[in-house]
PDB file of N, CA and C in Angstrom:
ATOM      1  N   MET A   1       3.316  -8.140  16.127  1.00  0.00           N
ATOM      2  CA  MET A   1       2.223  -8.947  16.576  1.00  0.00           C
ATOM      3  C   MET A   1       2.580  -9.500  17.831  1.00  0.00           C
ATOM      4  N   TRP A   2       3.872  -9.793  18.184  1.00  0.00           N
ATOM      5  CA  TRP A   2       4.247 -10.685  19.442  1.00  0.00           C
ATOM      6  C   TRP A   2       3.876  -9.594  20.637  1.00  0.00           C
ATOM      7  N   ALA A   3       4.164  -8.212  20.336  1.00  0.00           N
ATOM      8  CA  ALA A   3       3.783  -7.210  21.635  1.00  0.00           C
ATOM      9  C   ALA A   3       2.416  -7.158  21.669  1.00  0.00           C
ATOM     10  N   ILE A   4       1.568  -7.182  20.485  1.00  0.00           N
ATOM     11  CA  ILE A   4       0.085  -7.102  20.650  1.00  0.00           C
ATOM     12  C   ILE A   4      -0.335  -8.454  21.689  1.00  0.00           C
ATOM     13  N   LEU A   5       0.277  -9.568  21.427  1.00  0.00           N
ATOM     14  CA  LEU A   5      -0.156 -11.009  21.972  1.00  0.00           C
ATOM     15  C   LEU A   5       0.341 -10.616  23.513  1.00  0.00           C
ATOM     16  N   GLN A   6       1.155  -9.871  23.793  1.00  0.00           N
ATOM     17  CA  GLN A   6       1.688  -9.842  25.254  1.00  0.00           C
ATOM     18  C   GLN A   6       1.230  -8.753  25.989  1.00  0.00           C
ATOM     19  N   ALA A   7       0.352  -7.949  25.420  1.00  0.00           N
ATOM     20  CA  ALA A   7      -0.244  -6.762  26.028  1.00  0.00           C
ATOM     21  C   ALA A   7      -1.220  -7.496  27.212  1.00  0.00           C
ATOM     22  N   PRO A   8      -1.349  -6.627  28.505  1.00  0.00           N
ATOM     23  CA  PRO A   8      -2.255  -7.293  29.558  1.00  0.00           C
ATOM     24  C   PRO A   8      -3.627  -7.591  29.151  1.00  0.00           C
ATOM     25  N   LYS A   9      -4.104  -6.937  28.321  1.00  0.00           N
ATOM     26  CA  LYS A   9      -5.717  -7.038  27.886  1.00  0.00           C
ATOM     27  C   LYS A   9      -5.938  -6.950  26.445  1.00  0.00           C
ATOM     28  N   PRO A  10      -6.733  -7.716  25.798  1.00  0.00           N
ATOM     29  CA  PRO A  10      -6.689  -7.626  24.507  1.00  0.00           C
ATOM     30  C   PRO A  10      -7.254  -6.272  23.939  1.00  0.00           C
ATOM     31  N   ASP A  11      -7.007  -5.648  22.753  1.00  0.00           N
ATOM     32  CA  ASP A  11      -7.330  -4.414  22.339  1.00  0.00           C
ATOM     33  C   ASP A  11      -7.028  -4.463  20.831  1.00  0.00           C
ATOM     34  N   ASP A  12      -7.420  -3.382  20.329  1.00  0.00           N
ATOM     35  CA  ASP A  12      -7.195  -2.959  18.867  1.00  0.00           C
ATOM     36  C   ASP A  12      -6.166  -1.898  18.602  1.00  0.00           C
ATOM     37  N   TYR A  13      -5.396  -2.334  17.687  1.00  0.00           N
ATOM     38  CA  TYR A  13      -4.158  -1.531  17.297  1.00  0.00           C
ATOM     39  C   TYR A  13      -4.016  -1.257  15.904  1.00  0.00           C
ATOM     40  N   VAL A  14      -3.535  -0.081  15.505  1.00  0.00           N
ATOM     41  CA  VAL A  14      -3.525   0.195  14.290  1.00  0.00           C
ATOM     42  C   VAL A  14      -1.778   0.023  13.980  1.00  0.00           C
ATOM     43  N   ILE A  15      -1.457  -0.883  13.055  1.00  0.00           N
ATOM     44  CA  ILE A  15      -0.282  -1.091  12.753  1.00  0.00           C
ATOM     45  C   ILE A  15       0.044  -0.501  11.159  1.00  0.00           C
ATOM     46  N   ALA A  16       0.869   0.641  11.110  1.00  0.00           N
ATOM     47  CA  ALA A  16       0.945   1.423   9.968  1.00  0.00           C
ATOM     48  C   ALA A  16       2.250   2.352   9.945  1.00  0.00           C
ATOM     49  N   THR A  17       2.646   2.936   8.885  1.00  0.00           N
ATOM     50  CA  THR A  17       3.666   3.525   8.650  1.00  0.00           C
ATOM     51  C   THR A  17       3.673   5.041   9.036  1.00  0.00           C
ATOM     52  N   GLY A  18       2.410   5.571   9.107  1.00  0.00           N
ATOM     53  CA  GLY A  18       2.222   6.969   9.234  1.00  0.00           C
ATOM     54  C   GLY A  18       2.549   7.756   8.162  1.00  0.00           C
ATOM     55  N   GLU A  19       2.849   6.956   7.141  1.00  0.00           N
ATOM     56  CA  GLU A  19       3.008   7.729   5.535  1.00  0.00           C
ATOM     57  C   GLU A  19       1.505   7.663   4.898  1.00  0.00           C
ATOM     58  N   THR A  20       1.430   8.302   3.838  1.00  0.00           N
ATOM     59  CA  THR A  20       0.359   8.205   2.881  1.00  0.00           C
ATOM     60  C   THR A  20       0.956   8.178   1.470  1.00  0.00           C
ATOM     61  N   HIS A  21       0.326   7.194   0.689  1.00  0.00           N
ATOM     62  CA  HIS A  21       0.575   6.984  -0.695  1.00  0.00           C
ATOM     63  C   HIS A  21      -0.498   6.610  -1.411  1.00  0.00           C
ATOM     64  N   SER A  22      -0.207   6.980  -2.715  1.00  0.00           N
ATOM     65  CA  SER A  22      -1.596   6.841  -3.690  1.00  0.00           C
ATOM     66  C   SER A  22      -1.372   5.490  -4.115  1.00  0.00           C
ATOM     67  N   VAL A  23      -2.606   4.904  -4.835  1.00  0.00           N
ATOM     68  CA  VAL A  23      -2.432   3.599  -5.518  1.00  0.00           C
ATOM     69  C   VAL A  23      -1.383   3.931  -6.627  1.00  0.00           C
ATOM     70  N   ARG A  24      -1.505   5.160  -7.226  1.00  0.00           N
ATOM     71  CA  ARG A  24      -0.399   4.996  -8.328  1.00  0.00           C
ATOM     72  C   ARG A  24       0.787   5.056  -7.942  1.00  0.00           C
ATOM     73  N   GLU A  25       1.217   5.558  -6.701  1.00  0.00           N
ATOM     74  CA  GLU A  25       2.633   5.568  -6.285  1.00  0.00           C
ATOM     75  C   GLU A  25       2.858   4.125  -6.216  1.00  0.00           C
ATOM     76  N   PHE A  26       1.838   3.036  -5.434  1.00  0.00           N
ATOM     77  CA  PHE A  26       1.904   1.719  -5.160  1.00  0.00           C
ATOM     78  C   PHE A  26       2.410   0.836  -6.348  1.00  0.00           C
ATOM     79  N   VAL A  27       1.550   1.627  -7.679  1.00  0.00           N
ATOM     80  CA  VAL A  27       1.636   0.644  -8.941  1.00  0.00           C
ATOM     81  C   VAL A  27       3.134   1.009  -9.549  1.00  0.00           C
ATOM     82  N   GLU A  28       3.548   2.243  -9.424  1.00  0.00           N
ATOM     83  CA  GLU A  28       4.644   2.758  -9.973  1.00  0.00           C
ATOM     84  C   GLU A  28       5.859   2.026  -9.538  1.00  0.00           C
ATOM     85  N   GLU A  29       5.838   1.870  -7.993  1.00  0.00           N
ATOM     86  CA  GLU A  29       6.814   1.315  -7.368  1.00  0.00           C
ATOM     87  C   GLU A  29       6.945  -0.185  -7.466  1.00  0.00           C
ATOM     88  N   THR A  30       5.823  -0.781  -7.582  1.00  0.00           N
ATOM     89  CA  THR A  30       5.749  -2.347  -8.171  1.00  0.00           C
ATOM     90  C   THR A  30       6.367  -2.527  -9.180  1.00  0.00           C
ATOM     91  N   ALA A  31       5.950  -1.500 -10.323  1.00  0.00           N
ATOM     92  CA  ALA A  31       6.500  -1.916 -11.574  1.00  0.00           C
ATOM     93  C   ALA A  31       8.104  -1.676 -11.545  1.00  0.00           C
ATOM     94  N   LYS A  32       8.887  -0.742 -10.779  1.00  0.00           N
ATOM     95  CA  LYS A  32      10.146  -0.695 -10.763  1.00  0.00           C
ATOM     96  C   LYS A  32      10.590  -1.857 -10.255  1.00  0.00           C
ATOM     97  N   GLN A  33       9.987  -2.569  -9.184  1.00  0.00           N
ATOM     98  CA  GLN A  33      10.532  -3.673  -8.647  1.00  0.00           C
ATOM     99  C   GLN A  33      10.679  -4.935  -9.731  1.00  0.00           C
ATOM    100  N   LEU A  34       9.673  -4.656 -10.647  1.00  0.00           N
ATOM    101  CA  LEU A  34       9.636  -5.579 -11.775  1.00  0.00           C
ATOM    102  C   LEU A  34      10.598  -5.136 -12.943  1.00  0.00           C
ATOM    103  N   ASP A  35      11.036  -4.413 -13.012  1.00  0.00           N
ATOM    104  CA  ASP A  35      11.682  -3.817 -14.235  1.00  0.00           C
ATOM    105  C   ASP A  35      10.842  -3.450 -15.049  1.00  0.00           C
ATOM    106  N   TRP A  36       9.680  -2.654 -14.788  1.00  0.00           N
ATOM    107  CA  TRP A  36       8.728  -2.358 -15.900  1.00  0.00           C
ATOM    108  C   TRP A  36       8.689  -0.891 -15.875  1.00  0.00           C
ATOM    109  N   THR A  37       8.157  -0.257 -16.944  1.00  0.00           N
ATOM    110  CA  THR A  37       7.774   1.247 -17.062  1.00  0.00           C
ATOM    111  C   THR A  37       6.362   1.134 -17.277  1.00  0.00           C
ATOM    112  N   ILE A  38       5.655   1.993 -16.523  1.00  0.00           N
ATOM    113  CA  ILE A  38       4.301   2.139 -16.531  1.00  0.00           C
ATOM    114  C   ILE A  38       3.837   3.376 -17.439  1.00  0.00           C
ATOM    115  N   LYS A  39       3.067   3.340 -18.496  1.00  0.00           N
ATOM    116  CA  LYS A  39       2.610   4.372 -19.345  1.00  0.00           C
ATOM    117  C   LYS A  39       1.059   4.578 -18.976  1.00  0.00           C
ATOM    118  N   TRP A  40       0.796   5.692 -18.596  1.00  0.00           N
ATOM    119  CA  TRP A  40      -0.553   6.031 -18.384  1.00  0.00           C
ATOM    120  C   TRP A  40      -1.342   6.906 -19.175  1.00  0.00           C
ATOM    121  N   SER A  41      -2.464   6.532 -19.555  1.00  0.00           N
ATOM    122  CA  SER A  41      -3.372   6.929 -20.728  1.00  0.00           C
ATOM    123  C   SER A  41      -4.943   7.040 -20.152  1.00  0.00           C
ATOM    124  N   GLY A  42      -5.284   7.931 -20.802  1.00  0.00           N
ATOM    125  CA  GLY A  42      -6.928   8.239 -20.616  1.00  0.00           C
ATOM    126  C   GLY A  42      -6.959   9.039 -19.287  1.00  0.00           C
ATOM    127  N   GLU A  43      -8.289   9.357 -18.927  1.00  0.00           N
ATOM    128  CA  GLU A  43      -8.777  10.196 -17.641  1.00  0.00           C
ATOM    129  C   GLU A  43      -9.650   9.650 -16.685  1.00  0.00           C
ATOM    130  N   GLY A  44      -9.601  10.002 -15.447  1.00  0.00           N
ATOM    131  CA  GLY A  44     -10.680   9.406 -14.684  1.00  0.00           C
ATOM    132  C   GLY A  44     -10.979   7.746 -14.713  1.00  0.00           C
ATOM    133  N   ILE A  45     -12.284   7.433 -15.003  1.00  0.00           N
ATOM    134  CA  ILE A  45     -12.549   5.987 -14.989  1.00  0.00           C
ATOM    135  C   ILE A  45     -12.133   5.122 -16.023  1.00  0.00           C
ATOM    136  N   ASN A  46     -11.547   5.895 -17.118  1.00  0.00           N
ATOM    137  CA  ASN A  46     -11.069   5.622 -18.499  1.00  0.00           C
ATOM    138  C   ASN A  46      -9.445   5.328 -18.480  1.00  0.00           C
ATOM    139  N   GLU A  47      -8.852   5.747 -17.238  1.00  0.00           N
ATOM    140  CA  GLU A  47      -7.413   5.639 -17.254  1.00  0.00           C
ATOM    141  C   GLU A  47      -6.924   4.349 -17.233  1.00  0.00           C
ATOM    142  N   ILE A  48      -6.028   4.002 -17.960  1.00  0.00           N
ATOM    143  CA  ILE A  48      -5.156   2.728 -17.785  1.00  0.00           C
ATOM    144  C   ILE A  48      -3.714   2.858 -17.751  1.00  0.00           C
ATOM    145  N   GLY A  49      -3.061   1.873 -17.108  1.00  0.00           N
ATOM    146  CA  GLY A  49      -1.644   1.823 -16.931  1.00  0.00           C
ATOM    147  C   GLY A  49      -0.956   0.680 -17.896  1.00  0.00           C
ATOM    148  N   THR A  50      -0.224   0.725 -18.736  1.00  0.00           N
ATOM    149  CA  THR A  50       0.297  -0.418 -19.732  1.00  0.00           C
ATOM    150  C   THR A  50       1.592  -0.318 -19.347  1.00  0.00           C
ATOM    151  N   ASN A  51       2.289  -1.677 -19.239  1.00  0.00           N
ATOM    152  CA  ASN A  51       3.816  -1.902 -19.117  1.00  0.00           C
ATOM    153  C   ASN A  51       4.538  -1.631 -20.505  1.00  0.00           C
ATOM    154  N   GLN A  52       5.672  -1.815 -20.519  1.00  0.00           N
ATOM    155  CA  GLN A  52       6.438  -1.585 -21.847  1.00  0.00           C
ATOM    156  C   GLN A  52       6.220  -2.527 -22.763  1.00  0.00           C
ATOM    157  N   PHE A  53       5.580  -3.774 -22.472  1.00  0.00           N
ATOM    158  CA  PHE A  53       5.051  -4.936 -23.334  1.00  0.00           C
ATOM    159  C   PHE A  53       3.748  -4.416 -23.885  1.00  0.00           C
ATOM    160  N   GLY A  54       3.208  -3.694 -23.340  1.00  0.00           N
ATOM    161  CA  GLY A  54       1.865  -3.346 -24.216  1.00  0.00           C
ATOM    162  C   GLY A  54       0.695  -3.932 -23.230  1.00  0.00           C
ATOM    163  N   ASP A  55       0.983  -4.516 -22.122  1.00  0.00           N
ATOM    164  CA  ASP A  55      -0.024  -5.199 -21.400  1.00  0.00           C
ATOM    165  C   ASP A  55      -0.682  -4.247 -20.517  1.00  0.00           C
ATOM    166  N   VAL A  56      -2.005  -4.324 -20.521  1.00  0.00           N
ATOM    167  CA  VAL A  56      -2.734  -3.343 -19.599  1.00  0.00           C
ATOM    168  C   VAL A  56      -2.466  -3.849 -18.223  1.00  0.00           C
ATOM    169  N   VAL A  57      -2.078  -3.184 -17.245  1.00  0.00           N
ATOM    170  CA  VAL A  57      -1.669  -4.035 -16.060  1.00  0.00           C
ATOM    171  C   VAL A  57      -2.574  -3.111 -14.793  1.00  0.00           C
ATOM    172  N   VAL A  58      -3.161  -1.877 -15.138  1.00  0.00           N
ATOM    173  CA  VAL A  58      -3.977  -1.221 -14.212  1.00  0.00           C
ATOM    174  C   VAL A  58      -5.107  -0.570 -15.029  1.00  0.00           C
ATOM    175  N   LYS A  59      -6.208  -0.957 -14.501  1.00  0.00           N
ATOM    176  CA  LYS A  59      -7.663  -0.393 -15.102  1.00  0.00           C
ATOM    177  C   LYS A  59      -8.528   0.082 -13.994  1.00  0.00           C
ATOM    178  N   ILE A  60      -9.111   1.220 -14.098  1.00  0.00           N
ATOM    179  CA  ILE A  60      -9.989   1.786 -13.072  1.00  0.00           C
ATOM    180  C   ILE A  60     -11.425   0.764 -13.088  1.00  0.00           C
ATOM    181  N   ASN A  61     -11.668   0.613 -12.033  1.00  0.00           N
ATOM    182  CA  ASN A  61     -12.813  -0.269 -11.614  1.00  0.00           C
ATOM    183  C   ASN A  61     -13.816   0.586 -10.778  1.00  0.00           C
ATOM    184  N   PRO A  62     -14.873   1.222 -11.195  1.00  0.00           N
ATOM    185  CA  PRO A  62     -15.942   2.158 -10.362  1.00  0.00           C
ATOM    186  C   PRO A  62     -16.390   1.131  -9.401  1.00  0.00           C
ATOM    187  N   GLU A  63     -16.316  -0.152  -9.270  1.00  0.00           N
ATOM    188  CA  GLU A  63     -17.162  -0.815  -8.451  1.00  0.00           C
ATOM    189  C   GLU A  63     -16.326  -0.734  -7.061  1.00  0.00           C
ATOM    190  N   PHE A  64     -14.888  -0.366  -7.206  1.00  0.00           N
ATOM    191  CA  PHE A  64     -14.345  -0.250  -5.936  1.00  0.00           C
ATOM    192  C   PHE A  64     -14.066   1.002  -5.602  1.00  0.00           C
ATOM    193  N   TYR A  65     -14.799   2.080  -5.983  1.00  0.00           N
ATOM    194  CA  TYR A  65     -14.978   3.413  -5.347  1.00  0.00           C
ATOM    195  C   TYR A  65     -15.610   3.511  -4.155  1.00  0.00           C
ATOM    196  N   ARG A  66     -15.017   4.092  -3.008  1.00  0.00           N
ATOM    197  CA  ARG A  66     -15.574   4.214  -1.878  1.00  0.00           C
ATOM    198  C   ARG A  66     -16.951   5.406  -1.900  1.00  0.00           C
ATOM    199  N   PRO A  67     -17.971   4.949  -1.266  1.00  0.00           N
ATOM    200  CA  PRO A  67     -19.146   5.959  -1.326  1.00  0.00           C
ATOM    201  C   PRO A  67     -18.756   7.463  -0.552  1.00  0.00           C
ATOM    202  N   ALA A  68     -17.882   7.397   0.352  1.00  0.00           N
ATOM    203  CA  ALA A  68     -17.498   8.418   1.117  1.00  0.00           C
ATOM    204  C   ALA A  68     -16.050   8.617   1.138  1.00  0.00           C
ATOM    205  N   GLU A  69     -15.314   8.716  -0.102  1.00  0.00           N
ATOM    206  CA  GLU A  69     -13.946   8.772  -0.207  1.00  0.00           C
ATOM    207  C   GLU A  69     -13.539  10.183   0.678  1.00  0.00           C
ATOM    208  N   VAL A  70     -12.312   9.803   1.444  1.00  0.00           N
ATOM    209  CA  VAL A  70     -11.445  10.962   1.819  1.00  0.00           C
ATOM    210  C   VAL A  70     -10.441  11.167   1.073  1.00  0.00           C
ATOM    211  N   ASP A  71      -9.893  12.540   1.332  1.00  0.00           N
ATOM    212  CA  ASP A  71      -8.822  13.103   0.528  1.00  0.00           C
ATOM    213  C   ASP A  71      -7.501  12.574   1.227  1.00  0.00           C
ATOM    214  N   LEU A  72      -7.375  12.114   2.421  1.00  0.00           N
ATOM    215  CA  LEU A  72      -6.204  11.788   2.841  1.00  0.00           C
ATOM    216  C   LEU A  72      -6.368  10.618   3.890  1.00  0.00           C
ATOM    217  N   LEU A  73      -5.451   9.452   3.616  1.00  0.00           N
ATOM    218  CA  LEU A  73      -5.884   8.499   4.638  1.00  0.00           C
ATOM    219  C   LEU A  73      -4.221   8.133   4.908  1.00  0.00           C
ATOM    220  N   VAL A  74      -4.080   8.020   6.408  1.00  0.00           N
ATOM    221  CA  VAL A  74      -2.936   7.737   7.197  1.00  0.00           C
ATOM    222  C   VAL A  74      -3.014   6.946   8.311  1.00  0.00           C
ATOM    223  N   GLY A  75      -2.430   5.944   8.351  1.00  0.00           N
ATOM    224  CA  GLY A  75      -2.589   5.124   9.447  1.00  0.00           C
ATOM    225  C   GLY A  75      -1.863   5.750  10.717  1.00  0.00           C
ATOM    226  N   ASP A  76      -2.638   5.807  11.866  1.00  0.00           N
ATOM    227  CA  ASP A  76      -2.079   6.567  13.040  1.00  0.00           C
ATOM    228  C   ASP A  76      -1.643   5.538  14.222  1.00  0.00           C
ATOM    229  N   TYR A  77      -0.462   5.062  14.103  1.00  0.00           N
ATOM    230  CA  TYR A  77       0.213   3.943  15.037  1.00  0.00           C
ATOM    231  C   TYR A  77       0.654   4.537  16.376  1.00  0.00           C
ATOM    232  N   THR A  78      -0.020   5.607  16.798  1.00  0.00           N
ATOM    233  CA  THR A  78       0.326   6.401  18.235  1.00  0.00           C
ATOM    234  C   THR A  78      -0.008   5.539  19.384  1.00  0.00           C
ATOM    235  N   LYS A  79      -1.162   4.801  19.345  1.00  0.00           N
ATOM    236  CA  LYS A  79      -1.710   3.979  20.517  1.00  0.00           C
ATOM    237  C   LYS A  79      -0.654   2.731  20.469  1.00  0.00           C
ATOM    238  N   ALA A  80      -0.248   2.161  19.353  1.00  0.00           N
ATOM    239  CA  ALA A  80       0.783   0.908  19.447  1.00  0.00           C
ATOM    240  C   ALA A  80       2.008   1.455  19.967  1.00  0.00           C
ATOM    241  N   TYR A  81       2.499   2.553  19.698  1.00  0.00           N
ATOM    242  CA  TYR A  81       3.620   3.054  20.238  1.00  0.00           C
ATOM    243  C   TYR A  81       3.511   3.458  21.595  1.00  0.00           C
ATOM    244  N   LYS A  82       2.543   3.946  22.039  1.00  0.00           N
ATOM    245  CA  LYS A  82       2.416   4.395  23.443  1.00  0.00           C
ATOM    246  C   LYS A  82       2.409   3.326  24.415  1.00  0.00           C
ATOM    247  N   GLU A  83       1.447   2.152  24.046  1.00  0.00           N
ATOM    248  CA  GLU A  83       1.167   1.184  24.635  1.00  0.00           C
ATOM    249  C   GLU A  83       2.144   0.016  24.768  1.00  0.00           C
ATOM    250  N   LEU A  84       2.878  -0.192  23.404  1.00  0.00           N
ATOM    251  CA  LEU A  84       3.477  -1.441  23.240  1.00  0.00           C
ATOM    252  C   LEU A  84       5.139  -0.994  22.872  1.00  0.00           C
ATOM    253  N   GLY A  85       5.229   0.212  22.716  1.00  0.00           N
ATOM    254  CA  GLY A  85       6.603   0.646  22.350  1.00  0.00           C
ATOM    255  C   GLY A  85       6.882   0.301  20.781  1.00  0.00           C
ATOM    256  N   TRP A  86       5.811  -0.163  20.068  1.00  0.00           N
ATOM    257  CA  TRP A  86       5.827  -0.309  18.573  1.00  0.00           C
ATOM    258  C   TRP A  86       6.249   0.864  17.854  1.00  0.00           C
ATOM    259  N   GLN A  87       6.891   0.856  16.827  1.00  0.00           N
ATOM    260  CA  GLN A  87       7.093   2.028  15.389  1.00  0.00           C
ATOM    261  C   GLN A  87       7.283   1.253  14.463  1.00  0.00           C
ATOM    262  N   PRO A  88       7.254   1.916  13.227  1.00  0.00           N
ATOM    263  CA  PRO A  88       7.345   1.047  12.074  1.00  0.00           C
ATOM    264  C   PRO A  88       8.885   1.204  11.684  1.00  0.00           C
ATOM    265  N   ARG A  89       9.375   0.210  11.084  1.00  0.00           N
ATOM    266  CA  ARG A  89      10.729   0.097  10.572  1.00  0.00           C
ATOM    267  C   ARG A  89      10.844   0.078   9.305  1.00  0.00           C
ATOM    268  N   THR A  90       9.909  -0.452   8.735  1.00  0.00           N
ATOM    269  CA  THR A  90       9.810  -0.811   7.234  1.00  0.00           C
ATOM    270  C   THR A  90       9.054   0.348   6.529  1.00  0.00           C
ATOM    271  N   LYS A  91      10.035   1.112   5.497  1.00  0.00           N
ATOM    272  CA  LYS A  91       9.483   2.197   4.744  1.00  0.00           C
ATOM    273  C   LYS A  91       8.715   1.697   3.496  1.00  0.00           C
ATOM    274  N   PHE A  92       7.939   2.687   2.862  1.00  0.00           N
ATOM    275  CA  PHE A  92       7.063   2.141   1.756  1.00  0.00           C
ATOM    276  C   PHE A  92       7.802   1.369   0.678  1.00  0.00           C
ATOM    277  N   LYS A  93       8.643   1.831   0.163  1.00  0.00           N
ATOM    278  CA  LYS A  93       9.880   1.222  -0.761  1.00  0.00           C
ATOM    279  C   LYS A  93       9.899  -0.265  -0.462  1.00  0.00           C
ATOM    280  N   GLU A  94      10.567  -0.227   0.597  1.00  0.00           N
ATOM    281  CA  GLU A  94      11.004  -1.556   1.198  1.00  0.00           C
ATOM    282  C   GLU A  94       9.773  -2.509   1.356  1.00  0.00           C
ATOM    283  N   LEU A  95       8.695  -1.986   1.634  1.00  0.00           N
ATOM    284  CA  LEU A  95       7.532  -2.877   1.921  1.00  0.00           C
ATOM    285  C   LEU A  95       6.893  -3.282   0.557  1.00  0.00           C
ATOM    286  N   VAL A  96       6.834  -2.512  -0.606  1.00  0.00           N
ATOM    287  CA  VAL A  96       6.725  -2.855  -1.941  1.00  0.00           C
ATOM    288  C   VAL A  96       7.425  -3.816  -2.144  1.00  0.00           C
ATOM    289  N   LYS A  97       8.986  -3.725  -1.890  1.00  0.00           N
ATOM    290  CA  LYS A  97       9.722  -4.851  -2.561  1.00  0.00           C
ATOM    291  C   LYS A  97       9.699  -5.994  -1.950  1.00  0.00           C
ATOM    292  N   LEU A  98       9.295  -6.040  -0.449  1.00  0.00           N
ATOM    293  CA  LEU A  98       9.027  -7.520   0.173  1.00  0.00           C
ATOM    294  C   LEU A  98       7.669  -8.064  -0.326  1.00  0.00           C
ATOM    295  N   MET A  99       6.797  -7.364  -0.716  1.00  0.00           N
ATOM    296  CA  MET A  99       5.347  -7.874  -1.170  1.00  0.00           C
ATOM    297  C   MET A  99       5.636  -8.434  -2.569  1.00  0.00           C
ATOM    298  N   VAL A 100       6.541  -7.848  -3.549  1.00  0.00           N
ATOM    299  CA  VAL A 100       6.855  -8.244  -5.001  1.00  0.00           C
ATOM    300  C   VAL A 100       7.654  -9.617  -4.650  1.00  0.00           C
ATOM    301  N   GLU A 101       8.569  -9.508  -4.054  1.00  0.00           N
ATOM    302  CA  GLU A 101       9.296 -10.907  -3.747  1.00  0.00           C
ATOM    303  C   GLU A 101       8.572 -11.908  -3.271  1.00  0.00           C
ATOM    304  N   ALA A 102       7.684 -11.568  -2.248  1.00  0.00           N
ATOM    305  CA  ALA A 102       6.849 -12.708  -1.718  1.00  0.00           C
ATOM    306  C   ALA A 102       5.849 -13.532  -2.779  1.00  0.00           C
ATOM    307  N   GLU A 103       5.394 -12.308  -3.561  1.00  0.00           N
ATOM    308  CA  GLU A 103       4.436 -12.967  -4.666  1.00  0.00           C
ATOM    309  C   GLU A 103       5.179 -13.576  -5.679  1.00  0.00           C
ATOM    310  N   LEU A 104       6.449 -13.185  -6.045  1.00  0.00           N
ATOM    311  CA  LEU A 104       7.130 -13.719  -6.959  1.00  0.00           C
ATOM    312  C   LEU A 104       7.725 -15.241  -6.555  1.00  0.00           C
ATOM    313  N   ASN A 105       8.201 -15.267  -5.218  1.00  0.00           N
ATOM    314  CA  ASN A 105       8.802 -16.580  -4.611  1.00  0.00           C
ATOM    315  C   ASN A 105       7.471 -17.520  -3.771  1.00  0.00           C
ATOM    316  N   GLY A 106       6.383 -16.903  -3.967  1.00  0.00           N
ATOM    317  CA  GLY A 106       5.132 -17.746  -3.307  1.00  0.00           C
ATOM    318  C   GLY A 106       4.799 -18.792  -4.090  1.00  0.00           C
TER     319      GLY A 106
END
């Protein structure tokens, strides 16, 4: 953020890892951070994820489907790298860990 604020003129930058991960991967990594095991059951909009205590922790909500879903979403930070010298240092698993810790300690 500091580098963006120091840029000679205001502009938009994508700050991303350049990696792609599914919601399922995010849920499973979050569960690992909480020492949970996720069990998936059902299919499609009826799929749910429960933890080892039997709590439903993930349930599909069609309200949040994107009307024109794309198969692959990856943030391209090339402009931030070229203009600001910025590149990602935090990997996916570390980011999930930071997010879980912030939520638990917040």
